[in-house]
Amino acid sequence: MVVVLVDPNAEARAPRTAWLRKTGATLHEAADAEAAVAIAQQLSRLDVLVTEGWLDGNFNGFDLRDALRQRFPVVRTVFTSRYDL
């Protein structure tokens, strides 16, 4: 399974990356949507996008999902949040 994990907070990202690596996933980390798009352009396969719903910059997590679906139309997306809803 190929996963791109996007979270601007390195402290929040670290335990998630550790867990995903333990599952055997091929993991690519990004701190923002622009970096995630750049990573995805290098991939031949992407199974799962794990992203914060609210990101800094020009994209939010939903925009990122839509951008990645242009290249990987069946990518599954998991939205996360550090905020107490």
Protein backbone atom coordinates (compact mmCIF):
# COMPACT_ATOMS: atom_id res chain seq x y z
CA MET A 1 0.00 0.00 0.00
CA VAL A 2 1.35 3.43 -0.97
CA VAL A 3 0.37 6.28 1.36
CA VAL A 4 0.97 10.02 1.31
CA LEU A 5 0.60 11.58 4.77
CA VAL A 6 0.18 15.36 4.96
CA ASP A 7 0.35 17.24 8.24
CA PRO A 8 2.06 20.60 8.84
CA ASN A 9 2.74 19.70 12.47
CA ALA A 10 5.82 17.46 12.69
CA GLU A 11 4.97 16.39 16.26
CA ALA A 12 1.52 15.20 15.20
CA ARG A 13 2.90 13.59 12.05
CA ALA A 14 5.59 11.51 13.82
CA PRO A 15 3.37 8.96 15.62
CA ARG A 16 1.20 8.55 12.53
CA THR A 17 4.20 7.87 10.33
CA ALA A 18 5.59 5.39 12.86
CA TRP A 19 2.32 3.48 12.96
CA LEU A 20 1.91 3.45 9.18
CA ARG A 21 5.45 2.19 8.70
CA LYS A 22 4.76 -0.65 11.17
CA THR A 23 1.84 -1.74 8.99
CA GLY A 24 4.22 -2.18 6.08
CA ALA A 25 2.93 0.77 4.06
CA THR A 26 5.22 2.58 1.68
CA LEU A 27 4.96 6.02 3.23
CA HIS A 28 5.67 9.47 1.84
CA GLU A 29 5.44 12.44 4.22
CA ALA A 30 4.63 16.03 3.38
CA ALA A 31 4.29 19.13 5.54
CA ASP A 32 1.91 20.88 3.13
CA ALA A 33 -0.28 20.29 0.11
CA GLU A 34 2.21 21.67 -2.38
CA ALA A 35 4.86 19.19 -1.20
CA ALA A 36 2.30 16.36 -1.37
CA VAL A 37 1.47 17.21 -4.98
CA ALA A 38 5.18 17.22 -5.84
CA ILE A 39 5.62 13.82 -4.19
CA ALA A 40 2.57 12.39 -5.96
CA GLN A 41 3.90 13.51 -9.34
CA GLN A 42 6.86 11.17 -8.75
CA LEU A 43 4.70 8.16 -7.89
CA SER A 44 3.36 5.49 -10.22
CA ARG A 45 0.78 4.41 -7.64
CA LEU A 46 -1.06 6.04 -4.74
CA ASP A 47 -3.55 4.07 -2.66
CA VAL A 48 -4.31 6.33 0.31
CA LEU A 49 -4.00 10.02 1.09
CA VAL A 50 -4.04 10.87 4.81
CA THR A 51 -4.37 14.62 5.29
CA GLU A 52 -5.45 17.30 7.67
CA GLY A 53 -8.70 18.83 6.48
CA TRP A 54 -7.41 22.32 7.14
CA LEU A 55 -3.99 23.13 5.71
CA ASP A 56 -2.07 26.37 5.41
CA GLY A 57 -1.32 27.72 1.96
CA ASN A 58 -3.26 27.59 -1.28
CA PHE A 59 -4.88 24.19 -0.70
CA ASN A 60 -7.01 22.70 2.02
CA GLY A 61 -7.19 18.93 2.41
CA PHE A 62 -10.25 18.70 0.17
CA ASP A 63 -8.54 20.66 -2.61
CA LEU A 64 -5.53 18.38 -2.25
CA ARG A 65 -7.68 15.27 -2.59
CA ASP A 66 -9.27 16.69 -5.74
CA ALA A 67 -5.87 17.57 -7.23
CA LEU A 68 -4.48 14.09 -6.57
CA ARG A 69 -7.57 12.41 -7.99
CA GLN A 70 -6.72 13.91 -11.38
CA ARG A 71 -3.72 11.55 -11.53
CA PHE A 72 -5.02 8.79 -9.19
CA PRO A 73 -8.81 8.72 -9.64
CA VAL A 74 -9.44 5.92 -7.13
CA VAL A 75 -7.21 7.18 -4.31
CA ARG A 76 -8.87 6.76 -0.92
CA THR A 77 -8.69 9.71 1.47
CA VAL A 78 -8.63 9.85 5.26
CA PHE A 79 -9.14 13.33 6.71
CA THR A 80 -7.71 14.08 10.14
CA SER A 81 -7.83 17.06 12.48
CA ARG A 82 -5.92 18.26 15.52
CA TYR A 83 -8.82 20.55 16.39
CA ASP A 84 -11.49 19.73 18.93
CA LEU A 85 -14.70 19.80 16.96
